[in-house]
Amino acid sequence: MKKRGWILLLAAVLLLAVGCGGSEKILSTEGVPQEVLQSAQYKAALAEETPVGRLGTPEEVAKLLVFLAGEDAGYITGQVFGVNGGLVI
């Protein structure tokens, strides 16, 4: 791929972001130990606070990413998509 093609690809990647929150796979929260984040009690409390009443799945995030990588999303630029069940608006 020529240099210009790589620059355009990088620009496309940088202009889209997916903000995941309230997921079953909680990766980090500053200052909270992993054993707490992965505990059933913490996950239940987070699910209760989430407007849809449950935690999301990695598959739900992946479906958005697959869509954004496809031709149907060709006109979407500069957006941050919150995949968080309404936890953060």
PDB file of N, CA and C in Angstrom:
ATOM      1  N   MET A   1       0.861  -1.175   0.000  1.00  0.00           N
ATOM      2  CA  MET A   1       0.000   0.000   0.000  1.00  0.00           C
ATOM      3  C   MET A   1       0.905   1.235   0.000  1.00  0.00           C
ATOM      4  N   LYS A   2       0.555   2.195  -0.808  1.00  0.00           N
ATOM      5  CA  LYS A   2       1.346   3.422  -0.883  1.00  0.00           C
ATOM      6  C   LYS A   2       1.175   4.249   0.392  1.00  0.00           C
ATOM      7  N   LYS A   3       2.094   5.159   0.589  1.00  0.00           N
ATOM      8  CA  LYS A   3       2.103   5.989   1.797  1.00  0.00           C
ATOM      9  C   LYS A   3       0.770   6.717   1.995  1.00  0.00           C
ATOM     10  N   ARG A   4       0.208   7.255   0.926  1.00  0.00           N
ATOM     11  CA  ARG A   4      -1.068   7.985   1.041  1.00  0.00           C
ATOM     12  C   ARG A   4      -2.182   7.061   1.528  1.00  0.00           C
ATOM     13  N   GLY A   5      -2.183   5.817   1.038  1.00  0.00           N
ATOM     14  CA  GLY A   5      -3.197   4.848   1.467  1.00  0.00           C
ATOM     15  C   GLY A   5      -3.104   4.550   2.953  1.00  0.00           C
ATOM     16  N   TRP A   6      -1.875   4.399   3.456  1.00  0.00           N
ATOM     17  CA  TRP A   6      -1.681   4.154   4.884  1.00  0.00           C
ATOM     18  C   TRP A   6      -2.128   5.346   5.714  1.00  0.00           C
ATOM     19  N   ILE A   7      -1.864   6.534   5.221  1.00  0.00           N
ATOM     20  CA  ILE A   7      -2.284   7.743   5.944  1.00  0.00           C
ATOM     21  C   ILE A   7      -3.805   7.815   6.017  1.00  0.00           C
ATOM     22  N   LEU A   8      -4.478   7.510   4.919  1.00  0.00           N
ATOM     23  CA  LEU A   8      -5.950   7.538   4.917  1.00  0.00           C
ATOM     24  C   LEU A   8      -6.513   6.462   5.842  1.00  0.00           C
ATOM     25  N   LEU A   9      -5.902   5.282   5.827  1.00  0.00           N
ATOM     26  CA  LEU A   9      -6.356   4.210   6.711  1.00  0.00           C
ATOM     27  C   LEU A   9      -6.178   4.611   8.173  1.00  0.00           C
ATOM     28  N   LEU A  10      -5.037   5.168   8.514  1.00  0.00           N
ATOM     29  CA  LEU A  10      -4.788   5.613   9.874  1.00  0.00           C
ATOM     30  C   LEU A  10      -5.771   6.711  10.279  1.00  0.00           C
ATOM     31  N   ALA A  11      -6.050   7.632   9.379  1.00  0.00           N
ATOM     32  CA  ALA A  11      -7.002   8.707   9.673  1.00  0.00           C
ATOM     33  C   ALA A  11      -8.380   8.126   9.942  1.00  0.00           C
ATOM     34  N   ALA A  12      -8.799   7.146   9.158  1.00  0.00           N
ATOM     35  CA  ALA A  12     -10.111   6.526   9.361  1.00  0.00           C
ATOM     36  C   ALA A  12     -10.177   5.845  10.718  1.00  0.00           C
ATOM     37  N   VAL A  13      -9.119   5.174  11.110  1.00  0.00           N
ATOM     38  CA  VAL A  13      -9.091   4.509  12.405  1.00  0.00           C
ATOM     39  C   VAL A  13      -9.126   5.526  13.535  1.00  0.00           C
ATOM     40  N   LEU A  14      -8.410   6.603  13.408  1.00  0.00           N
ATOM     41  CA  LEU A  14      -8.344   7.600  14.468  1.00  0.00           C
ATOM     42  C   LEU A  14      -9.630   8.403  14.615  1.00  0.00           C
ATOM     43  N   LEU A  15     -10.431   8.482  13.580  1.00  0.00           N
ATOM     44  CA  LEU A  15     -11.633   9.303  13.630  1.00  0.00           C
ATOM     45  C   LEU A  15     -12.834   8.583  14.220  1.00  0.00           C
ATOM     46  N   LEU A  16     -12.729   7.296  14.451  1.00  0.00           N
ATOM     47  CA  LEU A  16     -13.826   6.552  15.052  1.00  0.00           C
ATOM     48  C   LEU A  16     -13.366   5.972  16.381  1.00  0.00           C
ATOM     49  N   ALA A  17     -14.226   6.028  17.371  1.00  0.00           N
ATOM     50  CA  ALA A  17     -13.889   5.454  18.670  1.00  0.00           C
ATOM     51  C   ALA A  17     -15.128   4.788  19.239  1.00  0.00           C
ATOM     52  N   VAL A  18     -14.919   3.734  19.966  1.00  0.00           N
ATOM     53  CA  VAL A  18     -16.012   3.049  20.633  1.00  0.00           C
ATOM     54  C   VAL A  18     -15.731   3.097  22.123  1.00  0.00           C
ATOM     55  N   GLY A  19     -16.636   3.716  22.867  1.00  0.00           N
ATOM     56  CA  GLY A  19     -16.502   3.794  24.315  1.00  0.00           C
ATOM     57  C   GLY A  19     -17.333   2.706  24.957  1.00  0.00           C
ATOM     58  N   CYS A  20     -16.663   1.721  25.509  1.00  0.00           N
ATOM     59  CA  CYS A  20     -17.367   0.581  26.113  1.00  0.00           C
ATOM     60  C   CYS A  20     -17.465   0.774  27.618  1.00  0.00           C
ATOM     61  N   GLY A  21     -18.616   0.538  28.141  1.00  0.00           N
ATOM     62  CA  GLY A  21     -18.809   0.604  29.586  1.00  0.00           C
ATOM     63  C   GLY A  21     -19.902  -0.361  29.978  1.00  0.00           C
ATOM     64  N   GLY A  22     -19.898  -0.810  31.189  1.00  0.00           N
ATOM     65  CA  GLY A  22     -20.922  -1.740  31.636  1.00  0.00           C
ATOM     66  C   GLY A  22     -20.848  -3.065  30.922  1.00  0.00           C
ATOM     67  N   SER A  23     -19.641  -3.529  30.670  1.00  0.00           N
ATOM     68  CA  SER A  23     -19.451  -4.781  29.950  1.00  0.00           C
ATOM     69  C   SER A  23     -19.105  -5.901  30.906  1.00  0.00           C
ATOM     70  N   GLU A  24     -19.416  -7.142  30.499  1.00  0.00           N
ATOM     71  CA  GLU A  24     -19.054  -8.307  31.300  1.00  0.00           C
ATOM     72  C   GLU A  24     -17.547  -8.399  31.485  1.00  0.00           C
ATOM     73  N   LYS A  25     -16.812  -7.938  30.508  1.00  0.00           N
ATOM     74  CA  LYS A  25     -15.345  -7.987  30.565  1.00  0.00           C
ATOM     75  C   LYS A  25     -14.833  -6.610  30.966  1.00  0.00           C
ATOM     76  N   ILE A  26     -14.849  -6.322  32.233  1.00  0.00           N
ATOM     77  CA  ILE A  26     -14.420  -5.025  32.745  1.00  0.00           C
ATOM     78  C   ILE A  26     -12.899  -5.042  32.834  1.00  0.00           C
ATOM     79  N   LEU A  27     -12.245  -4.222  32.030  1.00  0.00           N
ATOM     80  CA  LEU A  27     -10.797  -4.273  31.935  1.00  0.00           C
ATOM     81  C   LEU A  27     -10.100  -3.478  33.023  1.00  0.00           C
ATOM     82  N   SER A  28     -10.561  -2.271  33.285  1.00  0.00           N
ATOM     83  CA  SER A  28      -9.892  -1.487  34.315  1.00  0.00           C
ATOM     84  C   SER A  28     -10.752  -0.325  34.767  1.00  0.00           C
ATOM     85  N   THR A  29     -10.595   0.010  35.995  1.00  0.00           N
ATOM     86  CA  THR A  29     -11.138   1.221  36.579  1.00  0.00           C
ATOM     87  C   THR A  29     -10.050   1.698  37.512  1.00  0.00           C
ATOM     88  N   GLU A  30      -9.589   2.906  37.299  1.00  0.00           N
ATOM     89  CA  GLU A  30      -8.426   3.402  38.031  1.00  0.00           C
ATOM     90  C   GLU A  30      -8.589   3.228  39.538  1.00  0.00           C
ATOM     91  N   GLY A  31      -7.604   2.581  40.137  1.00  0.00           N
ATOM     92  CA  GLY A  31      -7.571   2.426  41.586  1.00  0.00           C
ATOM     93  C   GLY A  31      -8.371   1.255  42.139  1.00  0.00           C
ATOM     94  N   VAL A  32      -9.077   0.510  41.276  1.00  0.00           N
ATOM     95  CA  VAL A  32      -9.869  -0.622  41.743  1.00  0.00           C
ATOM     96  C   VAL A  32      -9.145  -1.917  41.349  1.00  0.00           C
ATOM     97  N   PRO A  33      -8.835  -2.776  42.319  1.00  0.00           N
ATOM     98  CA  PRO A  33      -8.134  -4.022  42.017  1.00  0.00           C
ATOM     99  C   PRO A  33      -8.955  -4.936  41.094  1.00  0.00           C
ATOM    100  N   GLN A  34      -8.267  -5.708  40.254  1.00  0.00           N
ATOM    101  CA  GLN A  34      -8.931  -6.611  39.317  1.00  0.00           C
ATOM    102  C   GLN A  34      -9.849  -7.608  40.026  1.00  0.00           C
ATOM    103  N   GLU A  35      -9.451  -8.096  41.199  1.00  0.00           N
ATOM    104  CA  GLU A  35     -10.298  -9.079  41.884  1.00  0.00           C
ATOM    105  C   GLU A  35     -11.650  -8.473  42.266  1.00  0.00           C
ATOM    106  N   VAL A  36     -11.682  -7.173  42.523  1.00  0.00           N
ATOM    107  CA  VAL A  36     -12.953  -6.498  42.805  1.00  0.00           C
ATOM    108  C   VAL A  36     -13.756  -6.341  41.515  1.00  0.00           C
ATOM    109  N   LEU A  37     -13.095  -5.883  40.428  1.00  0.00           N
ATOM    110  CA  LEU A  37     -13.782  -5.672  39.151  1.00  0.00           C
ATOM    111  C   LEU A  37     -14.411  -6.946  38.612  1.00  0.00           C
ATOM    112  N   GLN A  38     -13.764  -8.071  38.852  1.00  0.00           N
ATOM    113  CA  GLN A  38     -14.253  -9.333  38.303  1.00  0.00           C
ATOM    114  C   GLN A  38     -15.186 -10.081  39.256  1.00  0.00           C
ATOM    115  N   SER A  39     -15.446  -9.519  40.417  1.00  0.00           N
ATOM    116  CA  SER A  39     -16.303 -10.201  41.391  1.00  0.00           C
ATOM    117  C   SER A  39     -17.767 -10.143  40.957  1.00  0.00           C
ATOM    118  N   ALA A  40     -18.495 -11.176  41.321  1.00  0.00           N
ATOM    119  CA  ALA A  40     -19.928 -11.249  40.995  1.00  0.00           C
ATOM    120  C   ALA A  40     -20.696 -10.110  41.654  1.00  0.00           C
ATOM    121  N   GLN A  41     -20.293  -9.740  42.858  1.00  0.00           N
ATOM    122  CA  GLN A  41     -20.976  -8.662  43.595  1.00  0.00           C
ATOM    123  C   GLN A  41     -20.823  -7.327  42.857  1.00  0.00           C
ATOM    124  N   TYR A  42     -19.619  -7.011  42.395  1.00  0.00           N
ATOM    125  CA  TYR A  42     -19.380  -5.755  41.672  1.00  0.00           C
ATOM    126  C   TYR A  42     -20.161  -5.741  40.359  1.00  0.00           C
ATOM    127  N   LYS A  43     -20.119  -6.860  39.628  1.00  0.00           N
ATOM    128  CA  LYS A  43     -20.826  -6.932  38.344  1.00  0.00           C
ATOM    129  C   LYS A  43     -22.338  -6.793  38.532  1.00  0.00           C
ATOM    130  N   ALA A  44     -22.870  -7.403  39.593  1.00  0.00           N
ATOM    131  CA  ALA A  44     -24.310  -7.288  39.865  1.00  0.00           C
ATOM    132  C   ALA A  44     -24.686  -5.841  40.186  1.00  0.00           C
ATOM    133  N   ALA A  45     -23.855  -5.160  40.965  1.00  0.00           N
ATOM    134  CA  ALA A  45     -24.127  -3.762  41.310  1.00  0.00           C
ATOM    135  C   ALA A  45     -24.068  -2.878  40.067  1.00  0.00           C
ATOM    136  N   LEU A  46     -23.086  -3.128  39.190  1.00  0.00           N
ATOM    137  CA  LEU A  46     -22.967  -2.356  37.955  1.00  0.00           C
ATOM    138  C   LEU A  46     -24.162  -2.609  37.036  1.00  0.00           C
ATOM    139  N   ALA A  47     -24.588  -3.858  36.924  1.00  0.00           N
ATOM    140  CA  ALA A  47     -25.753  -4.190  36.092  1.00  0.00           C
ATOM    141  C   ALA A  47     -27.001  -3.489  36.607  1.00  0.00           C
ATOM    142  N   GLU A  48     -27.138  -3.417  37.910  1.00  0.00           N
ATOM    143  CA  GLU A  48     -28.301  -2.762  38.519  1.00  0.00           C
ATOM    144  C   GLU A  48     -28.324  -1.264  38.205  1.00  0.00           C
ATOM    145  N   GLU A  49     -27.157  -0.640  38.111  1.00  0.00           N
ATOM    146  CA  GLU A  49     -27.067   0.791  37.804  1.00  0.00           C
ATOM    147  C   GLU A  49     -27.265   1.096  36.319  1.00  0.00           C
ATOM    148  N   THR A  50     -27.093   0.097  35.479  1.00  0.00           N
ATOM    149  CA  THR A  50     -27.193   0.282  34.035  1.00  0.00           C
ATOM    150  C   THR A  50     -28.660   0.353  33.627  1.00  0.00           C
ATOM    151  N   PRO A  51     -29.066   1.381  32.870  1.00  0.00           N
ATOM    152  CA  PRO A  51     -30.473   1.536  32.505  1.00  0.00           C
ATOM    153  C   PRO A  51     -31.114   0.317  31.827  1.00  0.00           C
ATOM    154  N   VAL A  52     -30.366  -0.456  31.064  1.00  0.00           N
ATOM    155  CA  VAL A  52     -30.962  -1.642  30.434  1.00  0.00           C
ATOM    156  C   VAL A  52     -31.006  -2.829  31.396  1.00  0.00           C
ATOM    157  N   GLY A  53     -30.421  -2.673  32.592  1.00  0.00           N
ATOM    158  CA  GLY A  53     -30.545  -3.680  33.634  1.00  0.00           C
ATOM    159  C   GLY A  53     -29.645  -4.890  33.511  1.00  0.00           C
ATOM    160  N   ARG A  54     -28.618  -4.810  32.690  1.00  0.00           N
ATOM    161  CA  ARG A  54     -27.699  -5.935  32.547  1.00  0.00           C
ATOM    162  C   ARG A  54     -26.366  -5.423  32.018  1.00  0.00           C
ATOM    163  N   LEU A  55     -25.357  -6.267  32.086  1.00  0.00           N
ATOM    164  CA  LEU A  55     -24.067  -5.937  31.512  1.00  0.00           C
ATOM    165  C   LEU A  55     -24.066  -6.318  30.033  1.00  0.00           C
ATOM    166  N   GLY A  56     -23.281  -5.605  29.274  1.00  0.00           N
ATOM    167  CA  GLY A  56     -23.140  -5.926  27.861  1.00  0.00           C
ATOM    168  C   GLY A  56     -22.156  -7.063  27.661  1.00  0.00           C
ATOM    169  N   THR A  57     -22.099  -7.548  26.440  1.00  0.00           N
ATOM    170  CA  THR A  57     -21.192  -8.641  26.112  1.00  0.00           C
ATOM    171  C   THR A  57     -20.163  -8.164  25.086  1.00  0.00           C
ATOM    172  N   PRO A  58     -19.027  -8.828  25.028  1.00  0.00           N
ATOM    173  CA  PRO A  58     -18.043  -8.491  23.996  1.00  0.00           C
ATOM    174  C   PRO A  58     -18.630  -8.646  22.588  1.00  0.00           C
ATOM    175  N   GLU A  59     -19.530  -9.588  22.416  1.00  0.00           N
ATOM    176  CA  GLU A  59     -20.162  -9.802  21.110  1.00  0.00           C
ATOM    177  C   GLU A  59     -20.982  -8.584  20.674  1.00  0.00           C
ATOM    178  N   GLU A  60     -21.615  -7.902  21.632  1.00  0.00           N
ATOM    179  CA  GLU A  60     -22.383  -6.703  21.295  1.00  0.00           C
ATOM    180  C   GLU A  60     -21.472  -5.581  20.818  1.00  0.00           C
ATOM    181  N   VAL A  61     -20.314  -5.456  21.427  1.00  0.00           N
ATOM    182  CA  VAL A  61     -19.332  -4.465  20.988  1.00  0.00           C
ATOM    183  C   VAL A  61     -18.806  -4.850  19.611  1.00  0.00           C
ATOM    184  N   ALA A  62     -18.529  -6.134  19.428  1.00  0.00           N
ATOM    185  CA  ALA A  62     -17.994  -6.616  18.149  1.00  0.00           C
ATOM    186  C   ALA A  62     -18.960  -6.353  17.002  1.00  0.00           C
ATOM    187  N   LYS A  63     -20.253  -6.483  17.232  1.00  0.00           N
ATOM    188  CA  LYS A  63     -21.235  -6.223  16.165  1.00  0.00           C
ATOM    189  C   LYS A  63     -21.140  -4.787  15.662  1.00  0.00           C
ATOM    190  N   LEU A  64     -20.939  -3.837  16.586  1.00  0.00           N
ATOM    191  CA  LEU A  64     -20.767  -2.447  16.166  1.00  0.00           C
ATOM    192  C   LEU A  64     -19.488  -2.290  15.360  1.00  0.00           C
ATOM    193  N   LEU A  65     -18.407  -2.905  15.818  1.00  0.00           N
ATOM    194  CA  LEU A  65     -17.130  -2.796  15.115  1.00  0.00           C
ATOM    195  C   LEU A  65     -17.205  -3.394  13.715  1.00  0.00           C
ATOM    196  N   VAL A  66     -17.905  -4.514  13.577  1.00  0.00           N
ATOM    197  CA  VAL A  66     -18.075  -5.127  12.255  1.00  0.00           C
ATOM    198  C   VAL A  66     -18.850  -4.174  11.343  1.00  0.00           C
ATOM    199  N   PHE A  67     -19.906  -3.568  11.860  1.00  0.00           N
ATOM    200  CA  PHE A  67     -20.665  -2.607  11.065  1.00  0.00           C
ATOM    201  C   PHE A  67     -19.792  -1.431  10.642  1.00  0.00           C
ATOM    202  N   LEU A  68     -19.041  -0.879  11.590  1.00  0.00           N
ATOM    203  CA  LEU A  68     -18.208   0.284  11.284  1.00  0.00           C
ATOM    204  C   LEU A  68     -17.103  -0.033  10.279  1.00  0.00           C
ATOM    205  N   ALA A  69     -16.688  -1.278  10.220  1.00  0.00           N
ATOM    206  CA  ALA A  69     -15.649  -1.679   9.267  1.00  0.00           C
ATOM    207  C   ALA A  69     -16.223  -1.950   7.879  1.00  0.00           C
ATOM    208  N   GLY A  70     -17.537  -2.011   7.749  1.00  0.00           N
ATOM    209  CA  GLY A  70     -18.173  -2.337   6.476  1.00  0.00           C
ATOM    210  C   GLY A  70     -18.490  -1.122   5.623  1.00  0.00           C
ATOM    211  N   GLU A  71     -18.913  -1.413   4.421  1.00  0.00           N
ATOM    212  CA  GLU A  71     -19.242  -0.357   3.460  1.00  0.00           C
ATOM    213  C   GLU A  71     -20.445   0.480   3.891  1.00  0.00           C
ATOM    214  N   ASP A  72     -21.388  -0.107   4.604  1.00  0.00           N
ATOM    215  CA  ASP A  72     -22.579   0.637   5.028  1.00  0.00           C
ATOM    216  C   ASP A  72     -22.252   1.793   5.958  1.00  0.00           C
ATOM    217  N   ALA A  73     -21.084   1.766   6.581  1.00  0.00           N
ATOM    218  CA  ALA A  73     -20.673   2.836   7.499  1.00  0.00           C
ATOM    219  C   ALA A  73     -19.690   3.796   6.836  1.00  0.00           C
ATOM    220  N   GLY A  74     -19.621   3.767   5.528  1.00  0.00           N
ATOM    221  CA  GLY A  74     -18.637   4.553   4.802  1.00  0.00           C
ATOM    222  C   GLY A  74     -18.740   6.054   4.970  1.00  0.00           C
ATOM    223  N   TYR A  75     -19.876   6.563   5.367  1.00  0.00           N
ATOM    224  CA  TYR A  75     -20.062   8.012   5.496  1.00  0.00           C
ATOM    225  C   TYR A  75     -19.957   8.467   6.950  1.00  0.00           C
ATOM    226  N   ILE A  76     -19.695   7.546   7.856  1.00  0.00           N
ATOM    227  CA  ILE A  76     -19.587   7.874   9.277  1.00  0.00           C
ATOM    228  C   ILE A  76     -18.141   8.250   9.582  1.00  0.00           C
ATOM    229  N   THR A  77     -17.947   9.442  10.139  1.00  0.00           N
ATOM    230  CA  THR A  77     -16.607   9.884  10.528  1.00  0.00           C
ATOM    231  C   THR A  77     -16.689  10.660  11.837  1.00  0.00           C
ATOM    232  N   GLY A  78     -15.593  10.685  12.559  1.00  0.00           N
ATOM    233  CA  GLY A  78     -15.461  11.540  13.731  1.00  0.00           C
ATOM    234  C   GLY A  78     -16.467  11.301  14.830  1.00  0.00           C
ATOM    235  N   GLN A  79     -16.834  10.060  15.090  1.00  0.00           N
ATOM    236  CA  GLN A  79     -17.839   9.769  16.104  1.00  0.00           C
ATOM    237  C   GLN A  79     -17.261   8.924  17.223  1.00  0.00           C
ATOM    238  N   VAL A  80     -17.855   9.041  18.395  1.00  0.00           N
ATOM    239  CA  VAL A  80     -17.557   8.152  19.502  1.00  0.00           C
ATOM    240  C   VAL A  80     -18.867   7.448  19.812  1.00  0.00           C
ATOM    241  N   PHE A  81     -18.860   6.142  19.714  1.00  0.00           N
ATOM    242  CA  PHE A  81     -20.056   5.349  19.942  1.00  0.00           C
ATOM    243  C   PHE A  81     -19.987   4.753  21.342  1.00  0.00           C
ATOM    244  N   GLY A  82     -20.946   5.090  22.169  1.00  0.00           N
ATOM    245  CA  GLY A  82     -20.981   4.574  23.539  1.00  0.00           C
ATOM    246  C   GLY A  82     -21.764   3.265  23.588  1.00  0.00           C
ATOM    247  N   VAL A  83     -21.066   2.163  23.763  1.00  0.00           N
ATOM    248  CA  VAL A  83     -21.703   0.868  23.886  1.00  0.00           C
ATOM    249  C   VAL A  83     -21.711   0.541  25.374  1.00  0.00           C
ATOM    250  N   ASN A  84     -22.733   1.037  26.074  1.00  0.00           N
ATOM    251  CA  ASN A  84     -22.707   0.979  27.524  1.00  0.00           C
ATOM    252  C   ASN A  84     -24.079   0.794  28.155  1.00  0.00           C
ATOM    253  N   GLY A  85     -25.067   0.442  27.385  1.00  0.00           N
ATOM    254  CA  GLY A  85     -26.396   0.189  27.942  1.00  0.00           C
ATOM    255  C   GLY A  85     -27.048   1.418  28.554  1.00  0.00           C
ATOM    256  N   GLY A  86     -26.580   2.608  28.195  1.00  0.00           N
ATOM    257  CA  GLY A  86     -27.136   3.835  28.726  1.00  0.00           C
ATOM    258  C   GLY A  86     -26.484   4.281  30.033  1.00  0.00           C
ATOM    259  N   LEU A  87     -25.444   3.561  30.480  1.00  0.00           N
ATOM    260  CA  LEU A  87     -24.776   3.906  31.729  1.00  0.00           C
ATOM    261  C   LEU A  87     -24.141   5.281  31.666  1.00  0.00           C
ATOM    262  N   VAL A  88     -23.554   5.611  30.529  1.00  0.00           N
ATOM    263  CA  VAL A  88     -22.951   6.920  30.325  1.00  0.00           C
ATOM    264  C   VAL A  88     -23.612   7.543  29.111  1.00  0.00           C
ATOM    265  N   ILE A  89     -24.198   8.725  29.301  1.00  0.00           N
ATOM    266  CA  ILE A  89     -24.881   9.391  28.185  1.00  0.00           C
ATOM    267  C   ILE A  89     -24.142  10.664  27.865  1.00  0.00           C
TER     268      ILE A  89
END
